[in-house]
Amino acid sequence: MPDSTGWIMSSRSTGNGGSCVEARRHEGWIEVRNSKNRSGGLVRFTTEEWDSFLFGARRGEFDQLLTD
């Protein structure tokens, strides 16, 4: 697996001013940032933390946070 990738955005992001995040792998971390404020900072996760988050999301553990 490469040590670094480019920023990726979800295919569900609309590009019409919606709230979006971008993520990338960089120097052993998974970094996440706000696509509307790219210079505003980022959040870093270990690969283990990111894998745990994705596992939980796939299982619906965060569904109660969804809005209509």
C-alpha atoms as a PDB file:
ATOM      1  CA  MET A   1       0.000   0.000   0.000  1.00  0.00           C
ATOM      2  CA  PRO A   2       1.396   3.442  -0.837  1.00  0.00           C
ATOM      3  CA  ASP A   3       2.615   5.669   1.969  1.00  0.00           C
ATOM      4  CA  SER A   4       0.718   8.646   0.528  1.00  0.00           C
ATOM      5  CA  THR A   5      -2.313   9.111  -1.694  1.00  0.00           C
ATOM      6  CA  GLY A   6      -4.082  12.125  -3.096  1.00  0.00           C
ATOM      7  CA  TRP A   7      -7.125  13.593  -1.391  1.00  0.00           C
ATOM      8  CA  ILE A   8     -10.363  11.721  -2.124  1.00  0.00           C
ATOM      9  CA  MET A   9     -13.957  12.851  -1.670  1.00  0.00           C
ATOM     10  CA  SER A  10     -16.979  10.643  -1.307  1.00  0.00           C
ATOM     11  CA  SER A  11     -18.890   9.935  -4.492  1.00  0.00           C
ATOM     12  CA  ARG A  12     -21.979  10.959  -2.492  1.00  0.00           C
ATOM     13  CA  SER A  13     -20.672  14.524  -2.199  1.00  0.00           C
ATOM     14  CA  THR A  14     -22.693  16.773  -4.439  1.00  0.00           C
ATOM     15  CA  GLY A  15     -20.223  19.544  -5.206  1.00  0.00           C
ATOM     16  CA  ASN A  16     -22.992  22.144  -5.021  1.00  0.00           C
ATOM     17  CA  GLY A  17     -22.031  23.699  -1.707  1.00  0.00           C
ATOM     18  CA  GLY A  18     -22.867  20.713   0.467  1.00  0.00           C
ATOM     19  CA  SER A  19     -20.856  19.717   3.487  1.00  0.00           C
ATOM     20  CA  CYS A  20     -18.056  17.436   2.357  1.00  0.00           C
ATOM     21  CA  VAL A  21     -14.910  15.943   3.755  1.00  0.00           C
ATOM     22  CA  GLU A  22     -11.817  14.681   1.995  1.00  0.00           C
ATOM     23  CA  ALA A  23      -9.467  11.972   3.199  1.00  0.00           C
ATOM     24  CA  ARG A  24      -6.010  10.713   2.281  1.00  0.00           C
ATOM     25  CA  ARG A  25      -3.286   8.382   3.496  1.00  0.00           C
ATOM     26  CA  HIS A  26      -0.159  10.367   4.356  1.00  0.00           C
ATOM     27  CA  GLU A  27       3.012   9.173   6.078  1.00  0.00           C
ATOM     28  CA  GLY A  28       1.263   6.376   7.968  1.00  0.00           C
ATOM     29  CA  TRP A  29      -1.784   8.437   8.973  1.00  0.00           C
ATOM     30  CA  ILE A  30      -5.283   8.827   7.603  1.00  0.00           C
ATOM     31  CA  GLU A  31      -5.973  12.565   7.373  1.00  0.00           C
ATOM     32  CA  VAL A  32      -9.431  14.102   7.050  1.00  0.00           C
ATOM     33  CA  ARG A  33     -10.255  17.723   6.229  1.00  0.00           C
ATOM     34  CA  ASN A  34     -13.189  19.945   5.356  1.00  0.00           C
ATOM     35  CA  SER A  35     -13.345  20.344   1.585  1.00  0.00           C
ATOM     36  CA  LYS A  36     -14.818  23.838   1.966  1.00  0.00           C
ATOM     37  CA  ASN A  37     -11.929  25.005   4.183  1.00  0.00           C
ATOM     38  CA  ARG A  38      -8.889  23.063   3.022  1.00  0.00           C
ATOM     39  CA  SER A  39      -6.385  25.271   4.828  1.00  0.00           C
ATOM     40  CA  GLY A  40      -8.353  25.201   8.082  1.00  0.00           C
ATOM     41  CA  GLY A  41      -6.627  22.156   9.499  1.00  0.00           C
ATOM     42  CA  LEU A  42      -7.173  18.450   9.518  1.00  0.00           C
ATOM     43  CA  VAL A  43      -7.771  15.526  11.813  1.00  0.00           C
ATOM     44  CA  ARG A  44      -5.376  12.572  11.862  1.00  0.00           C
ATOM     45  CA  PHE A  45      -6.192   8.957  12.609  1.00  0.00           C
ATOM     46  CA  THR A  46      -4.020   5.884  12.879  1.00  0.00           C
ATOM     47  CA  THR A  47      -4.905   3.218  10.355  1.00  0.00           C
ATOM     48  CA  GLU A  48      -6.319   1.116  13.205  1.00  0.00           C
ATOM     49  CA  GLU A  49      -8.593   3.979  14.327  1.00  0.00           C
ATOM     50  CA  TRP A  50      -9.753   4.593  10.759  1.00  0.00           C
ATOM     51  CA  ASP A  51     -10.439   0.890  10.192  1.00  0.00           C
ATOM     52  CA  SER A  52     -12.489   0.793  13.417  1.00  0.00           C
ATOM     53  CA  PHE A  53     -14.488   3.849  12.337  1.00  0.00           C
ATOM     54  CA  LEU A  54     -15.233   2.370   8.908  1.00  0.00           C
ATOM     55  CA  PHE A  55     -16.216  -0.961  10.464  1.00  0.00           C
ATOM     56  CA  GLY A  56     -18.655   0.803  12.789  1.00  0.00           C
ATOM     57  CA  ALA A  57     -20.061   2.944   9.989  1.00  0.00           C
ATOM     58  CA  ARG A  58     -20.675  -0.109   7.834  1.00  0.00           C
ATOM     59  CA  ARG A  59     -22.508  -1.762  10.731  1.00  0.00           C
ATOM     60  CA  GLY A  60     -24.778   1.277  11.197  1.00  0.00           C
ATOM     61  CA  GLU A  61     -23.351   2.323  14.575  1.00  0.00           C
ATOM     62  CA  PHE A  62     -23.657   6.021  13.682  1.00  0.00           C
ATOM     63  CA  ASP A  63     -27.040   5.934  11.972  1.00  0.00           C
ATOM     64  CA  GLN A  64     -28.703   7.737  14.906  1.00  0.00           C
ATOM     65  CA  LEU A  65     -26.676  10.821  13.925  1.00  0.00           C
ATOM     66  CA  LEU A  66     -28.328  11.038  10.483  1.00  0.00           C
ATOM     67  CA  THR A  67     -30.805  13.796   9.760  1.00  0.00           C
ATOM     68  CA  ASP A  68     -33.640  13.770   7.270  1.00  0.00           C
END
